[in-house]
N, C-alpha and C. Protein backbone atom coordinates (compact mmCIF):
# COMPACT_ATOMS: atom_id res chain seq x y z
N MET A 1 47.73 6.07 62.50
CA MET A 1 48.86 6.59 61.78
C MET A 1 48.93 5.99 60.38
N MET A 2 48.71 4.70 60.29
CA MET A 2 48.77 4.01 59.00
C MET A 2 47.65 4.49 58.08
N GLN A 3 46.47 4.75 58.63
CA GLN A 3 45.35 5.22 57.82
C GLN A 3 45.65 6.60 57.25
N ARG A 4 46.31 7.45 58.01
CA ARG A 4 46.65 8.78 57.52
C ARG A 4 47.59 8.69 56.33
N ARG A 5 48.55 7.79 56.39
CA ARG A 5 49.48 7.61 55.27
C ARG A 5 48.74 7.12 54.02
N ILE A 6 47.84 6.22 54.21
CA ILE A 6 47.07 5.69 53.07
C ILE A 6 46.21 6.79 52.46
N VAL A 7 45.53 7.56 53.29
CA VAL A 7 44.68 8.66 52.80
C VAL A 7 45.55 9.71 52.11
N PHE A 8 46.70 10.08 52.72
CA PHE A 8 47.59 11.06 52.12
C PHE A 8 48.13 10.56 50.78
N THR A 9 48.52 9.30 50.71
CA THR A 9 49.02 8.71 49.46
C THR A 9 47.93 8.72 48.39
N PHE A 10 46.72 8.38 48.79
CA PHE A 10 45.59 8.38 47.83
C PHE A 10 45.34 9.78 47.29
N ILE A 11 45.34 10.79 48.15
CA ILE A 11 45.12 12.18 47.73
C ILE A 11 46.25 12.64 46.82
N LEU A 12 47.47 12.31 47.17
CA LEU A 12 48.63 12.69 46.37
C LEU A 12 48.58 12.04 44.98
N LEU A 13 48.25 10.77 44.91
CA LEU A 13 48.14 10.08 43.61
C LEU A 13 47.00 10.64 42.77
N THR A 14 45.88 10.95 43.40
CA THR A 14 44.76 11.54 42.68
C THR A 14 45.12 12.90 42.11
N ALA A 15 45.80 13.73 42.90
CA ALA A 15 46.23 15.05 42.42
C ALA A 15 47.22 14.90 41.27
N ALA A 16 48.16 13.96 41.38
CA ALA A 16 49.14 13.74 40.31
C ALA A 16 48.46 13.28 39.03
N MET A 17 47.47 12.41 39.15
CA MET A 17 46.74 11.95 37.97
C MET A 17 45.97 13.09 37.32
N CYS A 18 45.36 13.95 38.11
CA CYS A 18 44.61 15.10 37.56
C CYS A 18 45.54 16.06 36.82
N VAL A 19 46.68 16.36 37.41
CA VAL A 19 47.64 17.25 36.76
C VAL A 19 48.17 16.60 35.48
N GLY A 20 48.47 15.32 35.55
CA GLY A 20 48.94 14.60 34.36
C GLY A 20 47.89 14.61 33.25
N TRP A 21 46.63 14.43 33.60
CA TRP A 21 45.56 14.45 32.60
C TRP A 21 45.46 15.82 31.94
N MET A 22 45.66 16.88 32.75
CA MET A 22 45.56 18.24 32.20
C MET A 22 46.73 18.55 31.27
N ILE A 23 47.90 18.02 31.55
CA ILE A 23 49.09 18.37 30.79
C ILE A 23 49.30 17.48 29.58
N TYR A 24 49.02 16.20 29.69
CA TYR A 24 49.33 15.27 28.61
C TYR A 24 48.32 15.38 27.46
N VAL A 25 48.85 15.50 26.27
CA VAL A 25 48.04 15.46 25.05
C VAL A 25 48.75 14.50 24.11
N SER A 26 48.03 13.51 23.62
CA SER A 26 48.67 12.53 22.76
C SER A 26 49.20 13.19 21.49
N PRO A 27 50.34 12.74 20.98
CA PRO A 27 50.92 13.35 19.77
C PRO A 27 49.96 13.31 18.58
N ALA A 28 49.14 12.27 18.48
CA ALA A 28 48.18 12.18 17.36
C ALA A 28 47.14 13.29 17.44
N ALA A 29 46.79 13.72 18.65
CA ALA A 29 45.78 14.76 18.81
C ALA A 29 46.31 16.14 18.45
N LYS A 30 47.64 16.28 18.35
CA LYS A 30 48.22 17.58 18.05
C LYS A 30 48.54 17.74 16.56
N ASN A 31 48.03 16.85 15.71
CA ASN A 31 48.32 16.93 14.28
C ASN A 31 47.43 17.99 13.64
N PRO A 32 47.98 19.14 13.23
CA PRO A 32 47.14 20.21 12.70
C PRO A 32 46.56 19.91 11.31
N TYR A 33 47.01 18.84 10.64
CA TYR A 33 46.46 18.49 9.34
C TYR A 33 45.17 17.66 9.46
N ALA A 34 44.92 17.09 10.63
CA ALA A 34 43.77 16.20 10.80
C ALA A 34 42.41 16.85 10.52
N PRO A 35 42.15 18.11 10.91
CA PRO A 35 40.82 18.68 10.62
C PRO A 35 40.68 19.29 9.23
N LEU A 36 41.74 19.30 8.42
CA LEU A 36 41.66 19.91 7.08
C LEU A 36 40.92 19.00 6.12
N PRO A 37 39.91 19.51 5.42
CA PRO A 37 39.20 18.70 4.42
C PRO A 37 40.15 18.26 3.31
N ALA A 38 39.76 17.21 2.59
CA ALA A 38 40.61 16.63 1.54
C ALA A 38 40.94 17.66 0.45
N ASP A 39 40.04 18.59 0.17
CA ASP A 39 40.28 19.56 -0.91
C ASP A 39 40.94 20.86 -0.42
N ALA A 40 41.38 20.90 0.82
CA ALA A 40 41.98 22.12 1.37
C ALA A 40 43.31 22.44 0.69
N ARG A 41 43.51 23.73 0.43
CA ARG A 41 44.78 24.22 -0.14
C ARG A 41 45.54 24.95 0.97
N ILE A 42 46.76 24.53 1.21
CA ILE A 42 47.57 25.15 2.25
C ILE A 42 48.06 26.51 1.75
N ILE A 43 47.80 27.54 2.55
CA ILE A 43 48.24 28.89 2.22
C ILE A 43 49.52 29.22 2.99
N TYR A 44 49.57 28.78 4.24
CA TYR A 44 50.72 29.07 5.09
C TYR A 44 50.83 27.95 6.12
N SER A 45 52.06 27.51 6.38
CA SER A 45 52.29 26.48 7.38
C SER A 45 53.65 26.72 8.01
N SER A 46 53.70 26.66 9.34
CA SER A 46 54.97 26.89 10.02
C SER A 46 54.93 26.33 11.43
N ASN A 47 56.07 25.79 11.86
CA ASN A 47 56.21 25.36 13.26
C ASN A 47 56.61 26.51 14.15
N ALA A 48 57.18 27.55 13.56
CA ALA A 48 57.54 28.77 14.28
C ALA A 48 57.02 29.94 13.46
N PRO A 49 55.73 30.25 13.58
CA PRO A 49 55.12 31.24 12.70
C PRO A 49 55.71 32.64 12.81
N ASP A 50 55.83 33.28 11.65
CA ASP A 50 56.29 34.67 11.57
C ASP A 50 55.04 35.52 11.32
N PHE A 51 54.52 36.15 12.36
CA PHE A 51 53.25 36.86 12.24
C PHE A 51 53.37 38.14 11.44
N SER A 52 54.56 38.68 11.31
CA SER A 52 54.70 39.87 10.46
C SER A 52 54.47 39.49 9.00
N VAL A 53 54.92 38.30 8.59
CA VAL A 53 54.68 37.82 7.21
C VAL A 53 53.21 37.46 7.04
N LEU A 54 52.65 36.79 8.03
CA LEU A 54 51.26 36.36 7.93
C LEU A 54 50.29 37.53 7.88
N LYS A 55 50.56 38.59 8.63
CA LYS A 55 49.67 39.75 8.65
C LYS A 55 49.70 40.53 7.33
N GLN A 56 50.75 40.35 6.52
CA GLN A 56 50.84 41.05 5.24
C GLN A 56 49.97 40.40 4.16
N ARG A 57 49.58 39.17 4.38
CA ARG A 57 48.71 38.50 3.42
C ARG A 57 47.28 39.01 3.57
N PRO A 58 46.47 38.97 2.50
CA PRO A 58 45.07 39.41 2.63
C PRO A 58 44.32 38.60 3.68
N SER A 59 44.60 37.31 3.77
CA SER A 59 43.93 36.48 4.76
C SER A 59 44.38 36.82 6.18
N GLY A 60 45.57 37.40 6.32
CA GLY A 60 46.07 37.78 7.63
C GLY A 60 45.22 38.82 8.31
N GLU A 61 44.63 39.72 7.53
CA GLU A 61 43.73 40.73 8.09
C GLU A 61 42.50 40.08 8.72
N LEU A 62 42.00 39.02 8.10
CA LEU A 62 40.84 38.33 8.66
C LEU A 62 41.18 37.64 9.98
N LEU A 63 42.45 37.28 10.15
CA LEU A 63 42.86 36.58 11.36
C LEU A 63 43.20 37.51 12.52
N LYS A 64 43.24 38.80 12.27
CA LYS A 64 43.63 39.76 13.30
C LYS A 64 42.79 39.60 14.58
N PRO A 65 41.45 39.44 14.51
CA PRO A 65 40.68 39.25 15.75
C PRO A 65 41.08 37.98 16.50
N VAL A 66 41.45 36.93 15.76
CA VAL A 66 41.87 35.69 16.41
C VAL A 66 43.15 35.92 17.19
N PHE A 67 44.13 36.59 16.57
CA PHE A 67 45.41 36.86 17.24
C PHE A 67 45.23 37.76 18.45
N GLN A 68 44.31 38.71 18.38
CA GLN A 68 44.11 39.64 19.49
C GLN A 68 43.45 38.96 20.69
N ILE A 69 42.45 38.13 20.42
CA ILE A 69 41.68 37.53 21.51
C ILE A 69 42.34 36.26 22.04
N LEU A 70 43.01 35.51 21.16
CA LEU A 70 43.63 34.25 21.56
C LEU A 70 45.14 34.29 21.33
N PRO A 71 45.87 34.95 22.19
CA PRO A 71 47.32 35.11 21.97
C PRO A 71 48.10 33.80 22.05
N GLN A 72 47.50 32.71 22.56
CA GLN A 72 48.20 31.43 22.66
C GLN A 72 48.68 30.92 21.32
N VAL A 73 48.00 31.30 20.23
CA VAL A 73 48.36 30.78 18.91
C VAL A 73 49.71 31.33 18.44
N LYS A 74 50.20 32.38 19.05
CA LYS A 74 51.47 32.96 18.64
C LYS A 74 52.66 32.07 18.98
N TYR A 75 52.47 31.13 19.87
CA TYR A 75 53.57 30.30 20.33
C TYR A 75 53.42 28.84 19.89
N SER A 76 52.62 28.58 18.89
CA SER A 76 52.34 27.22 18.47
C SER A 76 52.46 27.10 16.96
N SER A 77 52.70 25.87 16.50
CA SER A 77 52.71 25.66 15.05
C SER A 77 51.30 25.91 14.52
N LEU A 78 51.23 26.38 13.29
CA LEU A 78 49.92 26.68 12.73
C LEU A 78 49.87 26.41 11.23
N ILE A 79 48.66 26.23 10.77
CA ILE A 79 48.38 26.03 9.35
C ILE A 79 47.23 26.95 8.98
N LEU A 80 47.39 27.63 7.86
CA LEU A 80 46.33 28.45 7.29
C LEU A 80 46.00 27.82 5.94
N ALA A 81 44.73 27.49 5.74
CA ALA A 81 44.32 26.81 4.50
C ALA A 81 43.00 27.40 4.01
N ALA A 82 42.68 27.09 2.77
CA ALA A 82 41.39 27.49 2.18
C ALA A 82 40.74 26.25 1.60
N ALA A 83 39.43 26.18 1.68
CA ALA A 83 38.68 25.05 1.13
C ALA A 83 37.36 25.55 0.59
N ALA A 84 36.87 24.88 -0.45
CA ALA A 84 35.57 25.23 -1.02
C ALA A 84 34.50 25.06 0.04
N ALA A 85 33.62 26.04 0.12
CA ALA A 85 32.57 26.01 1.14
C ALA A 85 31.20 26.14 0.49
N PRO A 86 30.21 25.46 1.04
CA PRO A 86 28.86 25.54 0.49
C PRO A 86 28.06 26.73 1.00
N GLY A 87 28.69 27.83 1.34
CA GLY A 87 28.00 28.99 1.89
C GLY A 87 27.17 29.73 0.86
N ARG A 88 26.55 30.81 1.31
CA ARG A 88 25.65 31.58 0.45
C ARG A 88 26.36 32.12 -0.79
N ASN A 89 27.56 32.66 -0.61
CA ASN A 89 28.26 33.27 -1.73
C ASN A 89 29.25 32.32 -2.39
N HIS A 90 29.29 31.09 -1.93
CA HIS A 90 30.22 30.08 -2.44
C HIS A 90 31.66 30.56 -2.39
N CYS A 91 31.98 31.37 -1.38
CA CYS A 91 33.36 31.81 -1.17
C CYS A 91 34.11 30.70 -0.44
N ASP A 92 35.40 30.68 -0.63
CA ASP A 92 36.20 29.71 0.10
C ASP A 92 36.17 30.02 1.58
N ALA A 93 36.20 28.96 2.37
CA ALA A 93 36.34 29.11 3.82
C ALA A 93 37.82 29.19 4.13
N LEU A 94 38.18 30.08 5.01
CA LEU A 94 39.54 30.19 5.48
C LEU A 94 39.63 29.35 6.76
N ILE A 95 40.59 28.44 6.80
CA ILE A 95 40.73 27.51 7.92
C ILE A 95 42.05 27.81 8.62
N PHE A 96 41.98 27.94 9.91
CA PHE A 96 43.15 28.23 10.72
C PHE A 96 43.23 27.15 11.79
N VAL A 97 44.35 26.42 11.83
CA VAL A 97 44.52 25.36 12.83
C VAL A 97 45.85 25.61 13.55
N SER A 98 45.81 25.62 14.86
CA SER A 98 47.01 25.82 15.66
C SER A 98 47.14 24.68 16.66
N ALA A 99 48.32 24.07 16.69
CA ALA A 99 48.59 22.99 17.63
C ALA A 99 49.04 23.60 18.95
N ILE A 100 48.09 23.86 19.84
CA ILE A 100 48.40 24.53 21.10
C ILE A 100 48.76 23.56 22.22
N GLY A 101 48.66 22.27 21.95
CA GLY A 101 49.11 21.25 22.90
C GLY A 101 48.38 21.26 24.22
N SER A 102 49.14 21.13 25.30
CA SER A 102 48.53 21.00 26.63
C SER A 102 47.82 22.26 27.09
N ARG A 103 48.08 23.39 26.44
CA ARG A 103 47.36 24.63 26.79
C ARG A 103 45.89 24.54 26.41
N SER A 104 45.52 23.56 25.58
CA SER A 104 44.14 23.46 25.11
C SER A 104 43.15 23.25 26.26
N THR A 105 43.51 22.43 27.24
CA THR A 105 42.61 22.17 28.36
C THR A 105 42.35 23.44 29.16
N LEU A 106 43.41 24.17 29.49
CA LEU A 106 43.25 25.40 30.27
C LEU A 106 42.51 26.48 29.47
N LEU A 107 42.80 26.57 28.17
CA LEU A 107 42.12 27.56 27.34
C LEU A 107 40.63 27.24 27.21
N ARG A 108 40.31 25.96 27.06
CA ARG A 108 38.89 25.55 26.98
C ARG A 108 38.17 25.88 28.27
N TRP A 109 38.81 25.63 29.41
CA TRP A 109 38.20 25.98 30.69
C TRP A 109 38.02 27.48 30.82
N ARG A 110 39.01 28.23 30.36
CA ARG A 110 38.89 29.70 30.41
C ARG A 110 37.67 30.14 29.60
N MET A 111 37.50 29.57 28.42
CA MET A 111 36.37 29.95 27.57
C MET A 111 35.04 29.53 28.20
N GLU A 112 35.04 28.41 28.89
CA GLU A 112 33.80 27.94 29.52
C GLU A 112 33.37 28.81 30.70
N PHE A 113 34.36 29.24 31.51
CA PHE A 113 34.02 29.91 32.76
C PHE A 113 34.26 31.43 32.77
N PHE A 114 35.20 31.91 31.95
CA PHE A 114 35.55 33.34 31.93
C PHE A 114 35.62 33.80 30.48
N LEU A 115 34.50 33.86 29.83
CA LEU A 115 34.45 34.21 28.41
C LEU A 115 34.96 35.63 28.18
N PRO A 116 36.01 35.80 27.35
CA PRO A 116 36.55 37.14 27.09
C PRO A 116 35.56 38.00 26.31
N ASP A 117 35.73 39.31 26.41
CA ASP A 117 34.91 40.23 25.63
C ASP A 117 35.15 39.97 24.15
N GLY A 118 34.11 40.07 23.36
CA GLY A 118 34.23 39.88 21.92
C GLY A 118 34.02 38.45 21.46
N ILE A 119 33.75 37.54 22.40
CA ILE A 119 33.50 36.13 22.07
C ILE A 119 32.17 35.72 22.68
N ARG A 120 31.42 34.95 21.91
CA ARG A 120 30.17 34.41 22.46
C ARG A 120 30.11 32.91 22.18
N SER A 121 29.46 32.20 23.05
CA SER A 121 29.31 30.76 22.90
C SER A 121 28.17 30.46 21.92
N VAL A 122 28.38 29.49 21.04
CA VAL A 122 27.33 29.05 20.12
C VAL A 122 27.11 27.55 20.33
N HIS A 123 26.28 26.93 19.51
CA HIS A 123 25.96 25.50 19.68
C HIS A 123 27.22 24.65 19.73
N SER A 124 27.31 23.80 20.74
CA SER A 124 28.40 22.83 20.80
C SER A 124 28.13 21.76 19.75
N TYR A 125 29.19 21.06 19.40
CA TYR A 125 29.07 20.00 18.40
C TYR A 125 29.65 18.73 18.98
N GLY A 126 28.78 17.84 19.39
CA GLY A 126 29.23 16.63 20.07
C GLY A 126 29.88 17.03 21.38
N ALA A 127 31.11 16.60 21.57
CA ALA A 127 31.84 16.92 22.80
C ALA A 127 32.56 18.25 22.73
N TRP A 128 32.60 18.85 21.52
CA TRP A 128 33.41 20.05 21.34
C TRP A 128 32.58 21.33 21.45
N PRO A 129 32.93 22.20 22.40
CA PRO A 129 32.27 23.50 22.47
C PRO A 129 32.72 24.39 21.30
N VAL A 130 31.85 25.27 20.85
CA VAL A 130 32.16 26.16 19.73
C VAL A 130 31.85 27.59 20.16
N TRP A 131 32.75 28.51 19.76
CA TRP A 131 32.59 29.92 20.07
C TRP A 131 32.67 30.74 18.79
N GLU A 132 32.15 31.97 18.86
CA GLU A 132 32.21 32.88 17.72
C GLU A 132 32.82 34.20 18.17
N ILE A 133 33.75 34.70 17.36
CA ILE A 133 34.38 35.99 17.63
C ILE A 133 33.55 37.05 16.93
N GLU A 134 33.18 38.09 17.65
CA GLU A 134 32.43 39.18 17.04
C GLU A 134 33.31 39.89 16.01
N ILE A 135 32.77 40.10 14.82
CA ILE A 135 33.53 40.70 13.74
C ILE A 135 33.37 42.21 13.78
N PRO A 136 34.47 42.94 13.59
CA PRO A 136 34.36 44.40 13.55
C PRO A 136 33.44 44.87 12.42
N ALA A 137 32.90 46.04 12.57
CA ALA A 137 31.93 46.58 11.60
C ALA A 137 32.52 46.77 10.21
N ASN A 138 33.83 46.94 10.09
CA ASN A 138 34.42 47.17 8.76
C ASN A 138 34.69 45.89 7.98
N GLU A 139 34.40 44.73 8.56
CA GLU A 139 34.58 43.46 7.85
C GLU A 139 33.42 43.21 6.90
N PRO A 140 33.62 42.32 5.89
CA PRO A 140 32.53 42.02 4.96
C PRO A 140 31.32 41.45 5.70
N PRO A 141 30.11 41.86 5.32
CA PRO A 141 28.92 41.35 6.00
C PRO A 141 28.74 39.86 5.74
N GLY A 142 28.23 39.15 6.71
CA GLY A 142 27.97 37.73 6.56
C GLY A 142 29.13 36.85 6.98
N ARG A 143 30.31 37.38 7.10
CA ARG A 143 31.47 36.57 7.51
C ARG A 143 31.35 36.22 9.00
N ARG A 144 31.73 35.00 9.33
CA ARG A 144 31.73 34.56 10.72
C ARG A 144 33.08 33.95 11.05
N ILE A 145 33.54 34.20 12.26
CA ILE A 145 34.76 33.58 12.75
C ILE A 145 34.35 32.67 13.90
N ARG A 146 34.35 31.39 13.64
CA ARG A 146 33.97 30.42 14.66
C ARG A 146 35.15 29.50 14.93
N PHE A 147 35.30 29.11 16.19
CA PHE A 147 36.41 28.23 16.54
C PHE A 147 36.01 27.25 17.62
N SER A 148 36.80 26.19 17.71
CA SER A 148 36.62 25.18 18.74
C SER A 148 38.00 24.80 19.26
N ILE A 149 38.04 24.34 20.48
CA ILE A 149 39.28 23.89 21.09
C ILE A 149 39.12 22.42 21.41
N THR A 150 39.90 21.59 20.72
CA THR A 150 39.83 20.15 20.92
C THR A 150 41.04 19.73 21.75
N GLU A 151 41.30 18.45 21.81
CA GLU A 151 42.47 17.97 22.53
C GLU A 151 43.73 18.34 21.77
N GLY A 152 44.36 19.43 22.14
CA GLY A 152 45.62 19.82 21.54
C GLY A 152 45.54 20.78 20.37
N LEU A 153 44.35 21.05 19.84
CA LEU A 153 44.22 21.91 18.67
C LEU A 153 43.21 23.03 18.89
N LEU A 154 43.51 24.18 18.29
CA LEU A 154 42.55 25.26 18.16
C LEU A 154 42.18 25.28 16.68
N ILE A 155 40.91 25.07 16.37
CA ILE A 155 40.45 24.99 14.98
C ILE A 155 39.50 26.15 14.74
N CYS A 156 39.76 26.92 13.69
CA CYS A 156 38.98 28.12 13.41
C CYS A 156 38.53 28.11 11.95
N ALA A 157 37.29 28.49 11.70
CA ALA A 157 36.75 28.63 10.35
C ALA A 157 36.26 30.06 10.17
N ILE A 158 36.72 30.69 9.09
CA ILE A 158 36.27 32.04 8.77
C ILE A 158 35.55 31.94 7.44
N SER A 159 34.24 32.11 7.47
CA SER A 159 33.45 31.96 6.24
C SER A 159 32.07 32.57 6.43
N ASP A 160 31.27 32.50 5.37
CA ASP A 160 29.91 33.01 5.47
C ASP A 160 28.93 31.90 5.86
N ASN A 161 29.43 30.68 6.03
CA ASN A 161 28.59 29.56 6.43
C ASN A 161 28.89 29.22 7.88
N SER A 162 27.92 29.37 8.74
CA SER A 162 28.14 29.13 10.16
C SER A 162 28.40 27.66 10.49
N HIS A 163 28.14 26.76 9.54
CA HIS A 163 28.34 25.33 9.79
C HIS A 163 29.72 24.83 9.40
N ASP A 164 30.56 25.68 8.82
CA ASP A 164 31.88 25.23 8.39
C ASP A 164 32.71 24.68 9.55
N ILE A 165 32.61 25.27 10.72
CA ILE A 165 33.37 24.75 11.87
C ILE A 165 32.93 23.33 12.19
N TYR A 166 31.65 23.04 12.00
CA TYR A 166 31.15 21.68 12.27
C TYR A 166 31.69 20.69 11.24
N TYR A 167 31.85 21.13 9.98
CA TYR A 167 32.45 20.27 8.96
C TYR A 167 33.90 19.94 9.33
N LEU A 168 34.62 20.93 9.86
CA LEU A 168 36.01 20.69 10.28
C LEU A 168 36.07 19.72 11.45
N LEU A 169 35.15 19.84 12.39
CA LEU A 169 35.12 18.91 13.52
C LEU A 169 34.74 17.51 13.06
N ASP A 170 33.85 17.41 12.08
CA ASP A 170 33.53 16.10 11.48
C ASP A 170 34.77 15.49 10.83
N THR A 171 35.54 16.32 10.14
CA THR A 171 36.76 15.85 9.49
C THR A 171 37.76 15.37 10.54
N LEU A 172 37.91 16.12 11.60
CA LEU A 172 38.81 15.73 12.68
C LEU A 172 38.41 14.39 13.27
N ASP A 173 37.11 14.18 13.45
CA ASP A 173 36.61 12.94 14.05
C ASP A 173 36.56 11.78 13.06
N GLY A 174 36.91 12.01 11.79
CA GLY A 174 36.96 10.94 10.79
C GLY A 174 35.67 10.68 10.06
N ARG A 175 34.67 11.54 10.20
CA ARG A 175 33.39 11.34 9.51
C ARG A 175 33.39 11.91 8.10
N ARG A 176 34.40 12.69 7.77
CA ARG A 176 34.58 13.26 6.43
C ARG A 176 36.04 13.03 6.02
N PRO A 177 36.30 12.93 4.72
CA PRO A 177 37.68 12.70 4.29
C PRO A 177 38.57 13.91 4.61
N SER A 178 39.76 13.62 5.11
CA SER A 178 40.69 14.70 5.46
C SER A 178 41.88 14.71 4.52
N ARG A 179 42.53 15.84 4.49
CA ARG A 179 43.74 15.99 3.68
C ARG A 179 44.82 15.02 4.16
N MET A 180 44.90 14.82 5.45
CA MET A 180 45.89 13.91 6.02
C MET A 180 45.66 12.49 5.53
N GLN A 181 44.40 12.03 5.52
CA GLN A 181 44.08 10.68 5.02
C GLN A 181 44.38 10.55 3.54
N THR A 182 44.06 11.59 2.76
CA THR A 182 44.30 11.56 1.32
C THR A 182 45.79 11.47 1.02
N GLU A 183 46.60 12.27 1.71
CA GLU A 183 48.04 12.24 1.48
C GLU A 183 48.65 10.91 1.94
N LEU A 184 48.16 10.36 3.04
CA LEU A 184 48.65 9.07 3.52
C LEU A 184 48.33 7.97 2.51
N SER A 185 47.09 7.99 1.99
CA SER A 185 46.71 6.99 1.00
C SER A 185 47.55 7.11 -0.27
N ALA A 186 47.83 8.35 -0.70
CA ALA A 186 48.64 8.56 -1.89
C ALA A 186 50.07 8.08 -1.68
N SER A 187 50.64 8.33 -0.50
CA SER A 187 52.01 7.90 -0.25
C SER A 187 52.09 6.38 -0.13
N LEU A 188 51.05 5.75 0.43
CA LEU A 188 51.04 4.28 0.49
C LEU A 188 50.91 3.68 -0.91
N ALA A 189 50.12 4.32 -1.77
CA ALA A 189 49.95 3.83 -3.14
C ALA A 189 51.26 3.94 -3.93
N LYS A 190 52.03 5.00 -3.68
CA LYS A 190 53.31 5.16 -4.36
C LYS A 190 54.32 4.13 -3.90
N GLY A 191 54.21 3.74 -2.63
CA GLY A 191 55.15 2.78 -2.06
C GLY A 191 54.96 1.37 -2.57
N LYS A 192 53.79 1.06 -3.15
CA LYS A 192 53.53 -0.31 -3.64
C LYS A 192 54.13 -0.53 -4.99
């Protein structure tokens, strides 16, 4: 009888830890400014996004496939930014970051095991899997929509350079200067 209680308690604690791991995302991991490069220009930022306003912008049309395939971003804070990109045409990369929080784990699993139509898996980068959304035929040639789901964030790069998503993941991991670090350093310098 005592062994059954111990086994049941162990199973219950293990299940609680697994559910807790799936739900908990550290507040630092949900900072949507962390993957933005230092030279990024914020185009739109909101904790309660108004998609009717966002869709009226020229960049909003480029995001339409993201909104259609990944509806989770409609309920999360988001940032839309542009940054200089080293692509073929030297066009700015459009960066879309959404703080999806604890939904990130379930969404990443969905992408790993039940890939939706219109999305294909591409090279992972370190621990982060990367996917590409197929672009409609009427979009400019050479443009790619690639995204990754990290702990608490959905990070998307729309550009003609397929490596831009990897630059954003490098920035998130601290290997490249980020806008968040630059602004923090500037505010600390003003405080002295």
